[in-house]
């Protein structure tokens, strides 16, 4: 049996930047807090905890004293987080992904435009997701969230709309959402609508790469964290291409029955999955066969 690790798999550059920043800070300055898990992967979070990174939630963050050093992860944060840090004298180490940062600025500008004409900012994203919380904050938490391409009944189609997407959502679903909004606007007679392409090209391009890889193997193991948005999208995409695709977050979820009759086994993952974890799973499988 041949076990192949996807050569394109591993962290996106935004996550690499955040993790590199965390490790550098820990090495040179000691104690470092992170506002939420640095990446949606428990194995990587634990690895960094072992190095001294301490994860805090919003409530704990608000109690930190002056001089505390806190990492802003790649997902970004709303303006309220920066204001809390200013008031409490907290030093922020900002590792927001440049793509997310650019999106935040677009939404802030779009919201100011919509306030002038009574329009709406709509964000295609997962409610409660760290990135979406940060994006909504740019619109003073007045943005409308569309969870799915069909989730549009709460939008007022008689008013102007500016549409944006969480960076890690499905391109196909976003395009379908755009068409659904256009159709409803046409019915209402309003034509003031702009849909901005704010999807991360790294995630979109991964789908094309993964299709080729999935078709080249008999069984595909997709390693992802349970809370990874891009991981869910990419796993479901692979499943359509290669029916024998199975998902796991770590070795303890592996099932040897998945590989029955397979000659070529591929291992890949989300852009939030560390390559070392995929390689580790591959080595353990090799020892078992």
Protein backbone atom coordinates (compact mmCIF):
# COMPACT_ATOMS: atom_id res chain seq x y z
CA UNK A 1 0.00 0.00 0.00
CA UNK A 2 1.28 3.45 -0.96
CA UNK A 3 0.67 6.38 1.40
CA UNK A 4 0.91 9.82 -0.20
CA UNK A 5 0.92 13.16 1.60
CA UNK A 6 -0.59 15.94 -0.52
CA UNK A 7 2.36 18.13 -1.57
CA UNK A 8 0.14 21.24 -1.50
CA UNK A 9 -1.30 20.60 1.96
CA UNK A 10 -0.41 22.66 5.01
CA UNK A 11 -1.00 26.03 6.60
CA UNK A 12 -1.97 29.04 4.52
CA UNK A 13 0.39 32.01 4.78
CA UNK A 14 -1.91 33.84 7.21
CA UNK A 15 -1.75 31.00 9.72
CA UNK A 16 2.01 30.58 9.16
CA UNK A 17 2.46 34.29 9.96
CA UNK A 18 0.43 34.02 13.18
CA UNK A 19 2.25 30.90 14.40
CA UNK A 20 5.69 32.28 13.52
CA UNK A 21 4.81 35.49 15.37
CA UNK A 22 3.67 33.53 18.43
CA UNK A 23 6.81 31.40 18.54
CA UNK A 24 9.08 34.42 18.14
CA UNK A 25 7.29 36.28 20.93
CA UNK A 26 7.46 33.26 23.24
CA UNK A 27 11.17 32.86 22.59
CA UNK A 28 12.11 36.49 23.19
CA UNK A 29 9.48 37.87 25.58
CA UNK A 30 8.15 34.93 27.57
CA UNK A 31 4.49 34.97 28.57
CA UNK A 32 2.09 35.46 25.68
CA UNK A 33 -1.68 35.24 25.66
CA UNK A 34 -3.75 34.43 22.59
CA UNK A 35 -7.31 35.66 22.23
CA UNK A 36 -8.99 32.40 21.22
CA UNK A 37 -7.34 29.35 19.68
CA UNK A 38 -4.60 30.50 17.32
CA UNK A 39 -5.82 28.05 14.68
CA UNK A 40 -8.79 25.69 14.42
CA UNK A 41 -6.70 22.61 15.06
CA UNK A 42 -6.43 21.12 18.55
CA UNK A 43 -3.10 19.38 17.94
CA UNK A 44 -1.38 22.61 16.89
CA UNK A 45 -3.00 24.56 19.72
CA UNK A 46 -1.68 22.02 22.22
CA UNK A 47 1.81 22.14 20.68
CA UNK A 48 1.95 25.89 21.23
CA UNK A 49 0.48 25.59 24.72
CA UNK A 50 3.38 23.33 25.55
CA UNK A 51 5.67 26.19 24.49
CA UNK A 52 3.89 28.57 26.87
CA UNK A 53 1.11 30.16 24.80
CA UNK A 54 -1.91 30.75 27.02
CA UNK A 55 -5.33 30.90 25.35
CA UNK A 56 -7.86 33.33 26.84
CA UNK A 57 -11.46 34.12 25.98
CA UNK A 58 -13.04 37.57 25.75
CA UNK A 59 -13.99 37.65 29.43
CA UNK A 60 -10.49 36.71 30.56
CA UNK A 61 -8.98 39.17 28.10
CA UNK A 62 -10.99 42.01 29.67
CA UNK A 63 -9.42 41.27 33.08
CA UNK A 64 -5.76 41.27 31.98
CA UNK A 65 -3.60 43.95 33.52
CA UNK A 66 -1.36 46.62 32.07
CA UNK A 67 1.62 45.26 30.18
CA UNK A 68 0.05 41.92 29.30
CA UNK A 69 0.96 40.83 25.78
CA UNK A 70 -1.86 39.38 23.68
CA UNK A 71 -1.71 37.89 20.20
CA UNK A 72 -4.46 38.73 17.73
CA UNK A 73 -4.74 35.61 15.57
CA UNK A 74 -5.16 35.49 11.79
CA UNK A 75 -8.97 35.63 12.01
CA UNK A 76 -8.82 39.26 13.15
CA UNK A 77 -10.81 41.11 15.81
CA UNK A 78 -13.52 43.80 15.96
CA UNK A 79 -12.66 47.40 16.95
CA UNK A 80 -14.00 46.76 20.48
CA UNK A 81 -11.05 44.45 21.19
CA UNK A 82 -8.54 47.18 20.35
CA UNK A 83 -10.46 49.64 22.54
CA UNK A 84 -10.41 47.22 25.50
CA UNK A 85 -6.65 46.82 25.06
CA UNK A 86 -6.17 50.59 24.97
CA UNK A 87 -8.19 51.10 28.15
CA UNK A 88 -6.40 48.36 30.08
CA UNK A 89 -2.88 49.02 28.81
CA UNK A 90 -2.62 45.66 27.06
CA UNK A 91 0.00 45.28 24.35
CA UNK A 92 -1.47 43.69 21.23
CA UNK A 93 0.67 41.60 18.89
CA UNK A 94 -1.45 41.83 15.75
CA UNK A 95 -1.16 38.82 13.43
CA UNK A 96 -4.38 39.41 11.52
CA UNK A 97 -4.15 37.82 8.07
CA UNK A 98 -3.53 40.58 5.47
CA UNK A 99 -6.45 39.27 3.40
CA UNK A 100 -8.78 39.48 6.40
CA UNK A 101 -7.43 42.92 7.26
CA UNK A 102 -8.16 44.17 3.73
CA UNK A 103 -11.68 42.73 3.97
CA UNK A 104 -12.28 44.49 7.27
CA UNK A 105 -11.35 47.81 5.65
CA UNK A 106 -13.70 47.13 2.70
CA UNK A 107 -16.60 46.37 5.00
CA UNK A 108 -15.93 49.47 7.08
CA UNK A 109 -15.98 51.62 3.93
CA UNK A 110 -19.07 49.86 2.61
CA UNK A 111 -20.88 50.35 5.89
CA UNK A 112 -20.15 54.08 5.90
CA UNK A 113 -21.49 54.25 2.33
CA UNK A 114 -24.66 52.35 3.25
CA UNK A 115 -25.31 54.55 6.27
CA UNK A 116 -25.54 57.52 3.94
CA UNK A 117 -28.25 55.95 1.77
CA UNK A 118 -30.10 53.68 4.17
CA UNK A 119 -28.56 50.56 2.67
CA UNK A 120 -27.40 47.26 4.12
CA UNK A 121 -24.15 45.37 4.53
CA UNK A 122 -24.61 41.60 4.12
CA UNK A 123 -21.88 39.13 5.07
CA UNK A 124 -21.91 35.54 3.85
CA UNK A 125 -20.43 33.62 6.74
CA UNK A 126 -20.84 31.34 9.72
CA UNK A 127 -22.49 33.10 12.69
CA UNK A 128 -20.20 33.11 15.70
CA UNK A 129 -17.08 32.34 13.66
CA UNK A 130 -14.09 34.36 14.87
CA UNK A 131 -13.53 36.01 11.49
CA UNK A 132 -17.21 36.90 11.11
CA UNK A 133 -17.30 38.50 14.57
CA UNK A 134 -14.39 40.70 13.52
CA UNK A 135 -16.06 41.58 10.22
CA UNK A 136 -19.37 42.48 11.83
CA UNK A 137 -17.54 44.75 14.22
CA UNK A 138 -16.44 46.88 11.26
CA UNK A 139 -20.14 47.62 10.65
CA UNK A 140 -20.87 48.41 14.30
CA UNK A 141 -22.48 44.94 14.52
CA UNK A 142 -25.26 46.08 12.19
CA UNK A 143 -24.36 43.77 9.28
CA UNK A 144 -26.79 41.07 8.22
CA UNK A 145 -25.38 37.52 8.21
CA UNK A 146 -26.32 35.01 5.53
CA UNK A 147 -25.37 31.48 6.61
CA UNK A 148 -26.33 29.77 3.36
CA UNK A 149 -27.02 30.74 -0.23
CA UNK A 150 -30.77 30.49 0.47
CA UNK A 151 -30.63 32.49 3.71
CA UNK A 152 -31.90 35.80 2.34
CA UNK A 153 -35.42 36.32 3.69
CA UNK A 154 -34.21 38.75 6.38
CA UNK A 155 -32.74 41.10 3.74
CA UNK A 156 -34.77 44.15 2.67
CA UNK A 157 -34.68 44.05 -1.13
CA UNK A 158 -36.09 47.54 -1.48
CA UNK A 159 -32.83 49.00 -0.12
CA UNK A 160 -29.23 49.09 -1.48
CA UNK A 161 -27.01 46.11 -0.62
CA UNK A 162 -23.26 45.58 -0.38
CA UNK A 163 -22.35 41.90 -0.15
CA UNK A 164 -19.11 40.45 1.26
CA UNK A 165 -18.00 36.95 2.20
CA UNK A 166 -16.03 35.39 5.00
CA UNK A 167 -12.72 34.55 3.32
CA UNK A 168 -12.98 30.77 3.77
CA UNK A 169 -16.49 30.12 2.44
CA UNK A 170 -17.43 28.12 -0.65
CA UNK A 171 -17.04 29.96 -3.95
CA UNK A 172 -19.96 28.05 -5.42
CA UNK A 173 -22.27 28.91 -2.51
CA UNK A 174 -21.23 32.57 -2.62
CA UNK A 175 -21.97 32.79 -6.34
CA UNK A 176 -25.37 31.17 -5.78
CA UNK A 177 -26.13 33.62 -2.97
CA UNK A 178 -25.22 36.51 -5.27
CA UNK A 179 -27.60 35.23 -7.97
CA UNK A 180 -30.42 34.75 -5.45
CA UNK A 181 -30.03 38.31 -4.20
CA UNK A 182 -29.95 39.67 -7.77
CA UNK A 183 -33.16 37.81 -8.56
CA UNK A 184 -34.98 39.15 -5.51
CA UNK A 185 -33.72 42.69 -6.20
CA UNK A 186 -35.00 42.51 -9.78
CA UNK A 187 -38.41 41.55 -8.45
CA UNK A 188 -38.43 44.55 -6.10
CA UNK A 189 -37.15 47.02 -8.69
CA UNK A 190 -33.97 47.98 -6.79
CA UNK A 191 -30.68 47.72 -8.70
CA UNK A 192 -28.21 49.22 -6.20
CA UNK A 193 -26.22 46.08 -5.44
CA UNK A 194 -22.50 45.25 -5.41
CA UNK A 195 -21.10 41.82 -4.54
CA UNK A 196 -17.42 41.98 -3.65
CA UNK A 197 -15.15 39.01 -4.31
CA UNK A 198 -13.60 38.67 -0.86
CA UNK A 199 -12.96 34.93 -0.84
CA UNK A 200 -9.40 33.84 -0.12
CA UNK A 201 -7.86 32.64 -3.38
CA UNK A 202 -5.72 30.17 -1.44
CA UNK A 203 -8.87 28.35 -0.24
CA UNK A 204 -10.57 28.61 -3.64
CA UNK A 205 -7.49 27.33 -5.46
CA UNK A 206 -7.11 24.49 -2.98
CA UNK A 207 -10.37 23.02 -4.26
CA UNK A 208 -8.87 22.66 -7.75
CA UNK A 209 -5.66 21.13 -6.38
CA UNK A 210 -7.61 18.77 -4.15
CA UNK A 211 -9.77 17.51 -6.98
CA UNK A 212 -6.71 16.24 -8.85
CA UNK A 213 -5.25 14.71 -5.70
CA UNK A 214 -8.53 13.05 -4.65
CA UNK A 215 -8.92 11.42 -8.05
CA UNK A 216 -5.35 10.07 -7.94
CA UNK A 217 -5.93 7.88 -4.85
CA UNK A 218 -8.25 5.04 -3.82
CA UNK A 219 -8.94 6.47 -0.36
CA UNK A 220 -8.50 10.03 0.88
CA UNK A 221 -8.03 10.93 4.54
CA UNK A 222 -8.87 14.58 5.22
CA UNK A 223 -7.37 15.94 8.45
CA UNK A 224 -9.16 18.98 9.89
CA UNK A 225 -10.16 20.61 13.14
CA UNK A 226 -13.84 20.30 14.06
CA UNK A 227 -14.29 24.09 14.02
CA UNK A 228 -12.43 24.75 10.78
CA UNK A 229 -14.71 26.49 8.29
CA UNK A 230 -12.44 26.00 5.28
CA UNK A 231 -11.83 22.44 6.45
CA UNK A 232 -15.52 21.59 6.28
CA UNK A 233 -15.88 23.18 2.84
CA UNK A 234 -12.81 21.43 1.41
CA UNK A 235 -13.68 18.07 2.98
CA UNK A 236 -17.20 18.18 1.50
CA UNK A 237 -15.72 19.14 -1.86
CA UNK A 238 -13.36 16.15 -1.74
CA UNK A 239 -16.21 13.83 -0.75
CA UNK A 240 -18.08 14.73 -3.93
CA UNK A 241 -15.02 13.96 -6.04
CA UNK A 242 -13.79 10.90 -4.14
CA UNK A 243 -16.60 9.02 -2.30
CA UNK A 244 -14.02 7.18 -0.19
CA UNK A 245 -13.01 10.35 1.63
CA UNK A 246 -12.94 10.22 5.43
CA UNK A 247 -12.34 13.02 7.91
CA UNK A 248 -10.42 12.92 11.18
CA UNK A 249 -8.87 15.49 13.46
CA UNK A 250 -6.13 13.25 14.92
CA UNK A 251 -4.81 9.70 14.98
CA UNK A 252 -7.24 8.48 17.66
CA UNK A 253 -10.13 8.91 15.19
CA UNK A 254 -8.51 6.74 12.52
CA UNK A 255 -10.38 3.59 11.43
CA UNK A 256 -8.32 0.91 9.65
CA UNK A 257 -11.48 -0.33 7.88
CA UNK A 258 -11.42 2.83 5.76
CA UNK A 259 -8.42 1.47 3.84
CA UNK A 260 -9.90 -1.93 2.96
CA UNK A 261 -8.80 -2.94 -0.55
CA UNK A 262 -6.97 0.34 -1.19
CA UNK A 263 -3.61 0.47 -2.98
CA UNK A 264 -3.08 4.24 -2.87
CA UNK A 265 -4.03 6.24 0.21
CA UNK A 266 -3.84 10.02 0.15
CA UNK A 267 -3.61 12.29 3.20
CA UNK A 268 -4.48 15.96 2.97
CA UNK A 269 -6.02 18.66 5.13
CA UNK A 270 -7.41 22.12 5.61
CA UNK A 271 -5.36 25.31 5.37
CA UNK A 272 -5.51 25.27 9.18
CA UNK A 273 -4.06 21.73 9.43
CA UNK A 274 -0.32 21.48 10.24
CA UNK A 275 1.70 19.42 7.82
CA UNK A 276 3.52 17.71 10.71
CA UNK A 277 0.18 16.24 11.86
CA UNK A 278 -0.59 14.76 8.42
CA UNK A 279 2.92 13.30 8.22
CA UNK A 280 2.58 11.84 11.71
CA UNK A 281 -0.70 10.13 10.79
CA UNK A 282 0.91 8.79 7.61
CA UNK A 283 3.82 7.27 9.57
CA UNK A 284 1.46 5.62 12.06
CA UNK A 285 -0.63 4.11 9.26
CA UNK A 286 2.54 2.75 7.63
CA UNK A 287 3.47 1.01 10.86
CA UNK A 288 0.05 -0.66 11.06
CA UNK A 289 -0.16 -2.12 7.55
